[in-house]
PDB file of N, CA and C in Angstrom:
ATOM      1  N   MET A   1       0.981  -1.023  -0.022  1.00  0.00           N
ATOM      2  CA  MET A   1      -0.022  -0.056  -0.023  1.00  0.00           C
ATOM      3  C   MET A   1       0.928   1.209   0.030  1.00  0.00           C
ATOM      4  N   SER A   2       0.534   2.220  -0.850  1.00  0.00           N
ATOM      5  CA  SER A   2       1.348   3.315  -0.910  1.00  0.00           C
ATOM      6  C   SER A   2       1.187   4.313   0.350  1.00  0.00           C
ATOM      7  N   ILE A   3       2.108   5.248   0.547  1.00  0.00           N
ATOM      8  CA  ILE A   3       2.191   6.078   1.564  1.00  0.00           C
ATOM      9  C   ILE A   3       1.056   7.002   1.529  1.00  0.00           C
ATOM     10  N   ALA A   4       0.519   7.369   0.500  1.00  0.00           N
ATOM     11  CA  ALA A   4      -0.740   8.489   0.288  1.00  0.00           C
ATOM     12  C   ALA A   4      -1.886   7.648   0.813  1.00  0.00           C
ATOM     13  N   ARG A   5      -1.982   6.328   0.373  1.00  0.00           N
ATOM     14  CA  ARG A   5      -3.213   5.639   0.858  1.00  0.00           C
ATOM     15  C   ARG A   5      -3.305   5.329   2.303  1.00  0.00           C
ATOM     16  N   ARG A   6      -2.161   5.111   2.865  1.00  0.00           N
ATOM     17  CA  ARG A   6      -1.920   4.952   4.353  1.00  0.00           C
ATOM     18  C   ARG A   6      -2.369   6.309   5.029  1.00  0.00           C
ATOM     19  N   CYS A   7      -1.877   7.263   4.628  1.00  0.00           N
ATOM     20  CA  CYS A   7      -2.143   8.536   5.349  1.00  0.00           C
ATOM     21  C   CYS A   7      -3.607   8.868   5.178  1.00  0.00           C
ATOM     22  N   VAL A   8      -4.364   8.530   4.185  1.00  0.00           N
ATOM     23  CA  VAL A   8      -5.790   8.692   3.912  1.00  0.00           C
ATOM     24  C   VAL A   8      -6.417   7.795   4.865  1.00  0.00           C
ATOM     25  N   LEU A   9      -6.092   6.514   4.899  1.00  0.00           N
ATOM     26  CA  LEU A   9      -6.769   5.524   5.808  1.00  0.00           C
ATOM     27  C   LEU A   9      -6.643   5.932   7.153  1.00  0.00           C
ATOM     28  N   ALA A  10      -5.315   6.529   7.580  1.00  0.00           N
ATOM     29  CA  ALA A  10      -5.057   6.680   8.828  1.00  0.00           C
ATOM     30  C   ALA A  10      -6.010   8.050   9.315  1.00  0.00           C
ATOM     31  N   GLY A  11      -6.141   8.896   8.436  1.00  0.00           N
ATOM     32  CA  GLY A  11      -6.911  10.167   8.715  1.00  0.00           C
ATOM     33  C   GLY A  11      -8.326   9.867   8.734  1.00  0.00           C
ATOM     34  N   TRP A  12      -8.768   8.975   7.965  1.00  0.00           N
ATOM     35  CA  TRP A  12     -10.285   8.438   7.977  1.00  0.00           C
ATOM     36  C   TRP A  12     -10.489   7.803   9.337  1.00  0.00           C
ATOM     37  N   LEU A  13      -9.619   7.007   9.701  1.00  0.00           N
ATOM     38  CA  LEU A  13      -9.826   6.194  10.958  1.00  0.00           C
ATOM     39  C   LEU A  13      -9.813   7.272  12.227  1.00  0.00           C
ATOM     40  N   ALA A  14      -8.963   8.092  12.110  1.00  0.00           N
ATOM     41  CA  ALA A  14      -8.828   9.199  13.369  1.00  0.00           C
ATOM     42  C   ALA A  14     -10.037   9.912  13.325  1.00  0.00           C
ATOM     43  N   LEU A  15     -10.634  10.323  12.171  1.00  0.00           N
ATOM     44  CA  LEU A  15     -11.902  11.223  12.138  1.00  0.00           C
ATOM     45  C   LEU A  15     -13.026  10.231  12.581  1.00  0.00           C
ATOM     46  N   SER A  16     -13.179   8.983  12.205  1.00  0.00           N
ATOM     47  CA  SER A  16     -14.164   8.292  12.565  1.00  0.00           C
ATOM     48  C   SER A  16     -14.150   7.895  14.058  1.00  0.00           C
ATOM     49  N   ALA A  17     -12.995   7.909  14.600  1.00  0.00           N
ATOM     50  CA  ALA A  17     -12.908   7.573  16.119  1.00  0.00           C
ATOM     51  C   ALA A  17     -13.506   8.767  16.936  1.00  0.00           C
ATOM     52  N   CYS A  18     -13.295  10.064  16.294  1.00  0.00           N
ATOM     53  CA  CYS A  18     -13.880  11.329  16.894  1.00  0.00           C
ATOM     54  C   CYS A  18     -15.337  11.521  16.951  1.00  0.00           C
ATOM     55  N   ALA A  19     -15.909  10.779  15.997  1.00  0.00           N
ATOM     56  CA  ALA A  19     -17.386  10.953  15.699  1.00  0.00           C
ATOM     57  C   ALA A  19     -18.199  10.223  16.637  1.00  0.00           C
ATOM     58  N   THR A  20     -17.612   9.307  17.265  1.00  0.00           N
ATOM     59  CA  THR A  20     -18.499   8.561  18.335  1.00  0.00           C
ATOM     60  C   THR A  20     -18.846   9.420  19.481  1.00  0.00           C
ATOM     61  N   GLU A  21     -19.945   9.249  19.953  1.00  0.00           N
ATOM     62  CA  GLU A  21     -20.344   9.929  21.170  1.00  0.00           C
ATOM     63  C   GLU A  21     -20.833   8.993  22.363  1.00  0.00           C
ATOM     64  N   GLU A  22     -20.906   9.683  23.560  1.00  0.00           N
ATOM     65  CA  GLU A  22     -21.215   8.782  24.610  1.00  0.00           C
ATOM     66  C   GLU A  22     -22.603   8.239  24.434  1.00  0.00           C
ATOM     67  N   PRO A  23     -23.030   7.189  25.125  1.00  0.00           N
ATOM     68  CA  PRO A  23     -24.371   6.621  24.945  1.00  0.00           C
ATOM     69  C   PRO A  23     -25.369   7.687  25.596  1.00  0.00           C
ATOM     70  N   VAL A  24     -26.546   7.866  25.002  1.00  0.00           N
ATOM     71  CA  VAL A  24     -27.609   8.592  25.703  1.00  0.00           C
ATOM     72  C   VAL A  24     -28.271   7.913  26.710  1.00  0.00           C
ATOM     73  N   SER A  25     -28.481   8.672  27.692  1.00  0.00           N
ATOM     74  CA  SER A  25     -29.188   7.934  28.931  1.00  0.00           C
ATOM     75  C   SER A  25     -30.579   8.104  28.723  1.00  0.00           C
ATOM     76  N   THR A  26     -31.488   7.082  28.790  1.00  0.00           N
ATOM     77  CA  THR A  26     -32.843   7.115  28.693  1.00  0.00           C
ATOM     78  C   THR A  26     -33.583   7.278  29.974  1.00  0.00           C
ATOM     79  N   GLN A  27     -32.829   7.292  31.096  1.00  0.00           N
ATOM     80  CA  GLN A  27     -33.381   7.312  32.380  1.00  0.00           C
ATOM     81  C   GLN A  27     -34.045   8.734  32.661  1.00  0.00           C
ATOM     82  N   LEU A  28     -35.126   8.799  33.317  1.00  0.00           N
ATOM     83  CA  LEU A  28     -35.858  10.044  33.694  1.00  0.00           C
ATOM     84  C   LEU A  28     -35.082  10.452  35.058  1.00  0.00           C
ATOM     85  N   GLY A  29     -35.064  11.626  35.065  1.00  0.00           N
ATOM     86  CA  GLY A  29     -34.472  12.211  36.384  1.00  0.00           C
ATOM     87  C   GLY A  29     -35.395  12.371  37.563  1.00  0.00           C
ATOM     88  N   PRO A  30     -34.909  13.033  38.581  1.00  0.00           N
ATOM     89  CA  PRO A  30     -35.881  13.047  39.719  1.00  0.00           C
ATOM     90  C   PRO A  30     -36.990  13.969  39.370  1.00  0.00           C
ATOM     91  N   ALA A  31     -38.140  13.737  39.915  1.00  0.00           N
ATOM     92  CA  ALA A  31     -39.299  14.463  39.796  1.00  0.00           C
ATOM     93  C   ALA A  31     -39.826  15.177  41.098  1.00  0.00           C
ATOM     94  N   ASP A  32     -40.177  16.524  41.102  1.00  0.00           N
ATOM     95  CA  ASP A  32     -40.811  17.119  42.292  1.00  0.00           C
ATOM     96  C   ASP A  32     -42.289  16.796  42.352  1.00  0.00           C
ATOM     97  N   GLU A  33     -42.903  16.728  41.008  1.00  0.00           N
ATOM     98  CA  GLU A  33     -44.199  16.591  41.025  1.00  0.00           C
ATOM     99  C   GLU A  33     -44.514  15.646  39.917  1.00  0.00           C
ATOM    100  N   VAL A  34     -45.536  14.765  40.067  1.00  0.00           N
ATOM    101  CA  VAL A  34     -45.932  13.859  39.052  1.00  0.00           C
ATOM    102  C   VAL A  34     -47.393  14.068  38.806  1.00  0.00           C
ATOM    103  N   MET A  35     -47.726  14.311  37.547  1.00  0.00           N
ATOM    104  CA  MET A  35     -49.080  14.633  37.142  1.00  0.00           C
ATOM    105  C   MET A  35     -49.460  13.359  36.185  1.00  0.00           C
ATOM    106  N   ARG A  36     -50.515  12.797  36.558  1.00  0.00           N
ATOM    107  CA  ARG A  36     -51.031  11.529  35.630  1.00  0.00           C
ATOM    108  C   ARG A  36     -52.181  12.030  34.881  1.00  0.00           C
ATOM    109  N   VAL A  37     -52.324  11.526  33.628  1.00  0.00           N
ATOM    110  CA  VAL A  37     -53.462  11.932  32.696  1.00  0.00           C
ATOM    111  C   VAL A  37     -53.758  10.691  31.981  1.00  0.00           C
ATOM    112  N   GLU A  38     -54.998  10.379  31.778  1.00  0.00           N
ATOM    113  CA  GLU A  38     -55.500   9.109  31.152  1.00  0.00           C
ATOM    114  C   GLU A  38     -56.171   9.733  29.830  1.00  0.00           C
ATOM    115  N   LEU A  39     -55.707   9.251  28.752  1.00  0.00           N
ATOM    116  CA  LEU A  39     -56.382   9.552  27.395  1.00  0.00           C
ATOM    117  C   LEU A  39     -57.533   8.706  27.362  1.00  0.00           C
ATOM    118  N   LEU A  40     -58.765   9.374  27.175  1.00  0.00           N
ATOM    119  CA  LEU A  40     -60.081   8.507  26.967  1.00  0.00           C
ATOM    120  C   LEU A  40     -60.538   8.329  25.703  1.00  0.00           C
ATOM    121  N   GLY A  41     -59.967   9.086  24.670  1.00  0.00           N
ATOM    122  CA  GLY A  41     -60.441   9.124  23.325  1.00  0.00           C
ATOM    123  C   GLY A  41     -61.447  10.159  23.063  1.00  0.00           C
ATOM    124  N   ASP A  42     -61.814  10.438  21.964  1.00  0.00           N
ATOM    125  CA  ASP A  42     -62.727  11.615  21.515  1.00  0.00           C
ATOM    126  C   ASP A  42     -62.392  12.777  22.040  1.00  0.00           C
ATOM    127  N   GLY A  43     -61.146  13.082  22.151  1.00  0.00           N
ATOM    128  CA  GLY A  43     -60.572  14.508  22.638  1.00  0.00           C
ATOM    129  C   GLY A  43     -60.830  14.671  24.277  1.00  0.00           C
ATOM    130  N   PHE A  44     -61.079  13.758  25.022  1.00  0.00           N
ATOM    131  CA  PHE A  44     -61.282  13.840  26.406  1.00  0.00           C
ATOM    132  C   PHE A  44     -60.111  13.104  27.197  1.00  0.00           C
ATOM    133  N   VAL A  45     -59.890  13.520  28.487  1.00  0.00           N
ATOM    134  CA  VAL A  45     -58.870  13.012  29.303  1.00  0.00           C
ATOM    135  C   VAL A  45     -59.480  12.939  30.674  1.00  0.00           C
ATOM    136  N   ARG A  46     -58.751  12.143  31.547  1.00  0.00           N
ATOM    137  CA  ARG A  46     -59.141  12.233  32.948  1.00  0.00           C
ATOM    138  C   ARG A  46     -57.833  12.493  33.760  1.00  0.00           C
ATOM    139  N   SER A  47     -57.977  13.445  34.656  1.00  0.00           N
ATOM    140  CA  SER A  47     -56.864  14.004  35.333  1.00  0.00           C
ATOM    141  C   SER A  47     -57.415  14.385  36.770  1.00  0.00           C
ATOM    142  N   ARG A  48     -56.790  13.904  37.707  1.00  0.00           N
ATOM    143  CA  ARG A  48     -57.386  14.125  39.135  1.00  0.00           C
ATOM    144  C   ARG A  48     -58.915  13.880  39.408  1.00  0.00           C
ATOM    145  N   GLU A  49     -59.215  12.627  38.757  1.00  0.00           N
ATOM    146  CA  GLU A  49     -60.507  12.141  38.884  1.00  0.00           C
ATOM    147  C   GLU A  49     -61.571  13.087  38.251  1.00  0.00           C
ATOM    148  N   ARG A  50     -61.261  13.807  37.424  1.00  0.00           N
ATOM    149  CA  ARG A  50     -62.142  14.663  36.448  1.00  0.00           C
ATOM    150  C   ARG A  50     -61.872  14.346  35.187  1.00  0.00           C
ATOM    151  N   ARG A  51     -63.122  14.263  34.434  1.00  0.00           N
ATOM    152  CA  ARG A  51     -63.092  14.012  33.052  1.00  0.00           C
ATOM    153  C   ARG A  51     -63.277  15.510  32.396  1.00  0.00           C
ATOM    154  N   MET A  52     -62.412  15.782  31.441  1.00  0.00           N
ATOM    155  CA  MET A  52     -62.506  17.101  30.724  1.00  0.00           C
ATOM    156  C   MET A  52     -62.055  17.008  29.393  1.00  0.00           C
ATOM    157  N   PRO A  53     -62.242  17.971  28.600  1.00  0.00           N
ATOM    158  CA  PRO A  53     -61.648  18.011  27.208  1.00  0.00           C
ATOM    159  C   PRO A  53     -60.143  18.088  27.392  1.00  0.00           C
ATOM    160  N   ARG A  54     -59.422  17.710  26.377  1.00  0.00           N
ATOM    161  CA  ARG A  54     -57.920  17.691  26.458  1.00  0.00           C
ATOM    162  C   ARG A  54     -57.394  19.206  26.400  1.00  0.00           C
ATOM    163  N   GLU A  55     -58.175  19.984  25.674  1.00  0.00           N
ATOM    164  CA  GLU A  55     -57.745  21.409  25.655  1.00  0.00           C
ATOM    165  C   GLU A  55     -57.972  22.055  26.932  1.00  0.00           C
ATOM    166  N   ALA A  56     -58.927  21.795  27.817  1.00  0.00           N
ATOM    167  CA  ALA A  56     -58.921  22.327  29.160  1.00  0.00           C
ATOM    168  C   ALA A  56     -57.935  21.827  29.984  1.00  0.00           C
ATOM    169  N   PHE A  57     -57.523  20.479  29.899  1.00  0.00           N
ATOM    170  CA  PHE A  57     -56.387  19.966  30.695  1.00  0.00           C
ATOM    171  C   PHE A  57     -55.102  20.775  30.370  1.00  0.00           C
ATOM    172  N   VAL A  58     -54.847  20.884  29.001  1.00  0.00           N
ATOM    173  CA  VAL A  58     -53.825  21.722  28.592  1.00  0.00           C
ATOM    174  C   VAL A  58     -53.697  23.126  29.103  1.00  0.00           C
ATOM    175  N   LEU A  59     -54.757  23.707  29.003  1.00  0.00           N
ATOM    176  CA  LEU A  59     -54.958  25.152  29.663  1.00  0.00           C
ATOM    177  C   LEU A  59     -54.615  25.200  31.115  1.00  0.00           C
ATOM    178  N   GLU A  60     -55.156  24.268  31.792  1.00  0.00           N
ATOM    179  CA  GLU A  60     -54.988  24.327  33.212  1.00  0.00           C
ATOM    180  C   GLU A  60     -53.532  24.014  33.648  1.00  0.00           C
ATOM    181  N   LEU A  61     -52.980  23.041  32.884  1.00  0.00           N
ATOM    182  CA  LEU A  61     -51.329  22.875  33.001  1.00  0.00           C
ATOM    183  C   LEU A  61     -50.630  23.974  32.656  1.00  0.00           C
ATOM    184  N   ARG A  62     -50.866  24.643  31.530  1.00  0.00           N
ATOM    185  CA  ARG A  62     -50.197  25.684  31.148  1.00  0.00           C
ATOM    186  C   ARG A  62     -50.152  26.824  32.138  1.00  0.00           C
ATOM    187  N   GLN A  63     -51.408  27.143  32.622  1.00  0.00           N
ATOM    188  CA  GLN A  63     -51.589  28.122  33.623  1.00  0.00           C
ATOM    189  C   GLN A  63     -50.725  27.881  34.922  1.00  0.00           C
ATOM    190  N   ARG A  64     -50.558  26.598  35.227  1.00  0.00           N
ATOM    191  CA  ARG A  64     -49.773  26.216  36.418  1.00  0.00           C
ATOM    192  C   ARG A  64     -48.130  26.345  36.031  1.00  0.00           C
ATOM    193  N   VAL A  65     -47.837  25.989  34.880  1.00  0.00           N
ATOM    194  CA  VAL A  65     -46.398  25.984  34.441  1.00  0.00           C
ATOM    195  C   VAL A  65     -45.819  27.252  34.211  1.00  0.00           C
ATOM    196  N   ARG A  66     -46.674  28.240  33.713  1.00  0.00           N
ATOM    197  CA  ARG A  66     -46.366  29.582  33.166  1.00  0.00           C
ATOM    198  C   ARG A  66     -45.472  30.251  34.295  1.00  0.00           C
ATOM    199  N   PRO A  67     -46.017  30.383  35.602  1.00  0.00           N
ATOM    200  CA  PRO A  67     -45.114  31.184  36.532  1.00  0.00           C
ATOM    201  C   PRO A  67     -44.042  30.376  37.121  1.00  0.00           C
ATOM    202  N   MET A  68     -43.844  29.209  36.833  1.00  0.00           N
ATOM    203  CA  MET A  68     -42.809  28.258  37.297  1.00  0.00           C
ATOM    204  C   MET A  68     -41.321  28.601  36.679  1.00  0.00           C
ATOM    205  N   PRO A  69     -40.258  28.658  37.574  1.00  0.00           N
ATOM    206  CA  PRO A  69     -39.008  28.786  36.768  1.00  0.00           C
ATOM    207  C   PRO A  69     -38.669  27.549  35.938  1.00  0.00           C
ATOM    208  N   SER A  70     -37.813  27.679  34.876  1.00  0.00           N
ATOM    209  CA  SER A  70     -37.588  26.563  34.083  1.00  0.00           C
ATOM    210  C   SER A  70     -37.055  25.416  34.772  1.00  0.00           C
ATOM    211  N   GLN A  71     -36.261  25.614  35.871  1.00  0.00           N
ATOM    212  CA  GLN A  71     -35.686  24.420  36.548  1.00  0.00           C
ATOM    213  C   GLN A  71     -36.840  23.675  37.306  1.00  0.00           C
ATOM    214  N   LYS A  72     -37.931  24.488  37.806  1.00  0.00           N
ATOM    215  CA  LYS A  72     -38.843  23.636  38.419  1.00  0.00           C
ATOM    216  C   LYS A  72     -39.854  22.875  37.375  1.00  0.00           C
ATOM    217  N   VAL A  73     -39.973  23.503  36.210  1.00  0.00           N
ATOM    218  CA  VAL A  73     -40.698  22.824  35.093  1.00  0.00           C
ATOM    219  C   VAL A  73     -39.968  21.514  34.631  1.00  0.00           C
ATOM    220  N   SER A  74     -38.720  21.529  34.724  1.00  0.00           N
ATOM    221  CA  SER A  74     -37.853  20.373  34.221  1.00  0.00           C
ATOM    222  C   SER A  74     -38.150  19.146  35.142  1.00  0.00           C
ATOM    223  N   LEU A  75     -38.574  19.562  36.456  1.00  0.00           N
ATOM    224  CA  LEU A  75     -38.841  18.459  37.521  1.00  0.00           C
ATOM    225  C   LEU A  75     -40.217  18.069  37.672  1.00  0.00           C
ATOM    226  N   LEU A  76     -40.943  18.534  36.706  1.00  0.00           N
ATOM    227  CA  LEU A  76     -42.463  18.078  36.638  1.00  0.00           C
ATOM    228  C   LEU A  76     -42.494  16.881  35.541  1.00  0.00           C
ATOM    229  N   ARG A  77     -43.048  15.807  36.068  1.00  0.00           N
ATOM    230  CA  ARG A  77     -43.244  14.635  35.192  1.00  0.00           C
ATOM    231  C   ARG A  77     -44.737  14.492  34.951  1.00  0.00           C
ATOM    232  N   VAL A  78     -45.017  14.219  33.550  1.00  0.00           N
ATOM    233  CA  VAL A  78     -46.349  13.936  33.168  1.00  0.00           C
ATOM    234  C   VAL A  78     -46.503  12.457  32.778  1.00  0.00           C
ATOM    235  N   GLU A  79     -47.201  11.657  33.333  1.00  0.00           N
ATOM    236  CA  GLU A  79     -47.384  10.228  32.942  1.00  0.00           C
ATOM    237  C   GLU A  79     -48.811  10.184  32.334  1.00  0.00           C
ATOM    238  N   ILE A  80     -48.535   9.542  31.113  1.00  0.00           N
ATOM    239  CA  ILE A  80     -49.815   9.388  30.231  1.00  0.00           C
ATOM    240  C   ILE A  80     -50.176   7.972  30.125  1.00  0.00           C
ATOM    241  N   ALA A  81     -51.509   7.631  30.447  1.00  0.00           N
ATOM    242  CA  ALA A  81     -51.965   6.345  30.324  1.00  0.00           C
ATOM    243  C   ALA A  81     -53.062   6.324  29.212  1.00  0.00           C
ATOM    244  N   MET A  82     -53.360   5.285  28.697  1.00  0.00           N
ATOM    245  CA  MET A  82     -54.281   5.126  27.461  1.00  0.00           C
ATOM    246  C   MET A  82     -55.315   4.384  28.108  1.00  0.00           C
ATOM    247  N   ALA A  83     -56.690   4.724  27.808  1.00  0.00           N
ATOM    248  CA  ALA A  83     -57.829   3.959  28.206  1.00  0.00           C
ATOM    249  C   ALA A  83     -57.926   2.734  27.279  1.00  0.00           C
ATOM    250  N   GLU A  84     -58.304   1.668  27.745  1.00  0.00           N
ATOM    251  CA  GLU A  84     -58.416   0.283  26.907  1.00  0.00           C
ATOM    252  C   GLU A  84     -59.414   0.501  25.762  1.00  0.00           C
ATOM    253  N   ALA A  85     -58.914  -0.229  24.702  1.00  0.00           N
ATOM    254  CA  ALA A  85     -59.817  -0.203  23.374  1.00  0.00           C
ATOM    255  C   ALA A  85     -60.091   0.961  22.829  1.00  0.00           C
ATOM    256  N   LEU A  86     -59.117   1.704  22.547  1.00  0.00           N
ATOM    257  CA  LEU A  86     -59.320   3.121  21.943  1.00  0.00           C
ATOM    258  C   LEU A  86     -58.910   2.966  20.341  1.00  0.00           C
ATOM    259  N   ASP A  87     -59.447   3.825  19.758  1.00  0.00           N
ATOM    260  CA  ASP A  87     -59.193   3.807  18.238  1.00  0.00           C
ATOM    261  C   ASP A  87     -58.061   4.783  17.827  1.00  0.00           C
ATOM    262  N   ASP A  88     -57.948   5.227  16.593  1.00  0.00           N
ATOM    263  CA  ASP A  88     -56.957   5.970  16.020  1.00  0.00           C
ATOM    264  C   ASP A  88     -57.031   7.541  16.663  1.00  0.00           C
ATOM    265  N   SER A  89     -58.223   7.910  17.179  1.00  0.00           N
ATOM    266  CA  SER A  89     -58.222   9.053  17.773  1.00  0.00           C
ATOM    267  C   SER A  89     -57.509   9.220  19.057  1.00  0.00           C
ATOM    268  N   ALA A  90     -57.209   8.219  19.747  1.00  0.00           N
ATOM    269  CA  ALA A  90     -56.310   8.228  20.891  1.00  0.00           C
ATOM    270  C   ALA A  90     -54.853   8.504  20.466  1.00  0.00           C
ATOM    271  N   SER A  91     -54.458   7.860  19.516  1.00  0.00           N
ATOM    272  CA  SER A  91     -53.157   8.042  19.112  1.00  0.00           C
ATOM    273  C   SER A  91     -53.049   9.618  18.526  1.00  0.00           C
ATOM    274  N   ARG A  92     -53.924  10.190  17.869  1.00  0.00           N
ATOM    275  CA  ARG A  92     -53.817  11.508  17.565  1.00  0.00           C
ATOM    276  C   ARG A  92     -53.850  12.488  18.737  1.00  0.00           C
ATOM    277  N   ASP A  93     -54.738  12.090  19.789  1.00  0.00           N
ATOM    278  CA  ASP A  93     -54.719  12.829  21.119  1.00  0.00           C
ATOM    279  C   ASP A  93     -53.347  12.646  21.708  1.00  0.00           C
ATOM    280  N   SER A  94     -52.654  11.435  21.688  1.00  0.00           N
ATOM    281  CA  SER A  94     -51.461  11.452  22.338  1.00  0.00           C
ATOM    282  C   SER A  94     -50.392  12.259  21.700  1.00  0.00           C
ATOM    283  N   ASP A  95     -50.329  12.209  20.311  1.00  0.00           N
ATOM    284  CA  ASP A  95     -49.453  13.072  19.522  1.00  0.00           C
ATOM    285  C   ASP A  95     -49.600  14.551  19.924  1.00  0.00           C
ATOM    286  N   TRP A  96     -50.924  14.987  19.900  1.00  0.00           N
ATOM    287  CA  TRP A  96     -51.138  16.425  20.207  1.00  0.00           C
ATOM    288  C   TRP A  96     -50.691  16.848  21.779  1.00  0.00           C
ATOM    289  N   LEU A  97     -51.009  15.925  22.522  1.00  0.00           N
ATOM    290  CA  LEU A  97     -50.665  16.147  23.906  1.00  0.00           C
ATOM    291  C   LEU A  97     -49.176  16.347  24.022  1.00  0.00           C
ATOM    292  N   LEU A  98     -48.492  15.447  23.351  1.00  0.00           N
ATOM    293  CA  LEU A  98     -47.032  15.381  23.537  1.00  0.00           C
ATOM    294  C   LEU A  98     -46.483  16.619  22.992  1.00  0.00           C
ATOM    295  N   ASP A  99     -46.934  17.099  21.856  1.00  0.00           N
ATOM    296  CA  ASP A  99     -46.596  18.382  21.236  1.00  0.00           C
ATOM    297  C   ASP A  99     -46.867  19.673  22.114  1.00  0.00           C
ATOM    298  N   GLN A 100     -47.938  19.472  22.882  1.00  0.00           N
ATOM    299  CA  GLN A 100     -48.252  20.778  23.758  1.00  0.00           C
ATOM    300  C   GLN A 100     -47.314  20.649  24.968  1.00  0.00           C
ATOM    301  N   LEU A 101     -46.933  19.464  25.468  1.00  0.00           N
ATOM    302  CA  LEU A 101     -46.088  19.387  26.580  1.00  0.00           C
ATOM    303  C   LEU A 101     -44.625  19.887  26.188  1.00  0.00           C
ATOM    304  N   TYR A 102     -44.286  19.584  24.860  1.00  0.00           N
ATOM    305  CA  TYR A 102     -43.006  20.009  24.485  1.00  0.00           C
ATOM    306  C   TYR A 102     -42.928  21.549  24.362  1.00  0.00           C
ATOM    307  N   ILE A 103     -44.146  22.194  23.903  1.00  0.00           N
ATOM    308  CA  ILE A 103     -44.161  23.578  23.812  1.00  0.00           C
ATOM    309  C   ILE A 103     -44.128  24.270  25.236  1.00  0.00           C
ATOM    310  N   MET A 104     -44.610  23.613  26.167  1.00  0.00           N
ATOM    311  CA  MET A 104     -44.599  24.095  27.695  1.00  0.00           C
ATOM    312  C   MET A 104     -43.131  24.016  28.262  1.00  0.00           C
ATOM    313  N   GLY A 105     -42.288  23.113  27.677  1.00  0.00           N
ATOM    314  CA  GLY A 105     -40.917  22.886  28.263  1.00  0.00           C
ATOM    315  C   GLY A 105     -40.948  21.666  29.201  1.00  0.00           C
ATOM    316  N   ILE A 106     -42.007  20.940  29.250  1.00  0.00           N
ATOM    317  CA  ILE A 106     -42.086  19.784  30.053  1.00  0.00           C
ATOM    318  C   ILE A 106     -41.198  18.623  29.453  1.00  0.00           C
ATOM    319  N   GLY A 107     -40.071  18.316  30.038  1.00  0.00           N
ATOM    320  CA  GLY A 107     -39.202  17.255  29.419  1.00  0.00           C
ATOM    321  C   GLY A 107     -39.370  15.921  29.913  1.00  0.00           C
ATOM    322  N   GLN A 108     -40.189  15.745  30.974  1.00  0.00           N
ATOM    323  CA  GLN A 108     -40.237  14.266  31.455  1.00  0.00           C
ATOM    324  C   GLN A 108     -41.596  13.819  31.217  1.00  0.00           C
ATOM    325  N   VAL A 109     -41.837  12.927  30.181  1.00  0.00           N
ATOM    326  CA  VAL A 109     -43.107  12.371  29.905  1.00  0.00           C
ATOM    327  C   VAL A 109     -42.853  10.645  30.001  1.00  0.00           C
ATOM    328  N   LEU A 110     -43.822  10.162  30.649  1.00  0.00           N
ATOM    329  CA  LEU A 110     -43.766   8.758  30.770  1.00  0.00           C
ATOM    330  C   LEU A 110     -45.121   8.099  30.221  1.00  0.00           C
ATOM    331  N   TYR A 111     -45.027   7.218  29.346  1.00  0.00           N
ATOM    332  CA  TYR A 111     -46.274   6.538  28.882  1.00  0.00           C
ATOM    333  C   TYR A 111     -46.388   5.345  29.687  1.00  0.00           C
ATOM    334  N   LEU A 112     -47.586   5.126  30.276  1.00  0.00           N
ATOM    335  CA  LEU A 112     -47.910   3.793  31.169  1.00  0.00           C
ATOM    336  C   LEU A 112     -48.464   2.892  30.351  1.00  0.00           C
TER     337      LEU A 112
END
């Protein structure tokens, strides 16, 4: 093998070794508060033993989160449960809720 090819190969190996990253941790951190919500389908959820439209749940949560400092919001965990025998609307509700939680800055979401 020529010297030029060896240099190219050595350079490629050196760069590829630098491209690796540490494994990403999928563990949830500590939580100061845990909020549980159950998706019921048809745009309704159950939270704190109340059945309500999903938009009302998000509005209440947004009003609670807005005055919190960002460090406190990062310690809030939302646990999402799915009611049994749901159709495709539950999947859409789940996606919509996840988007809203992301907008609010809630980083700890757990599907049950």
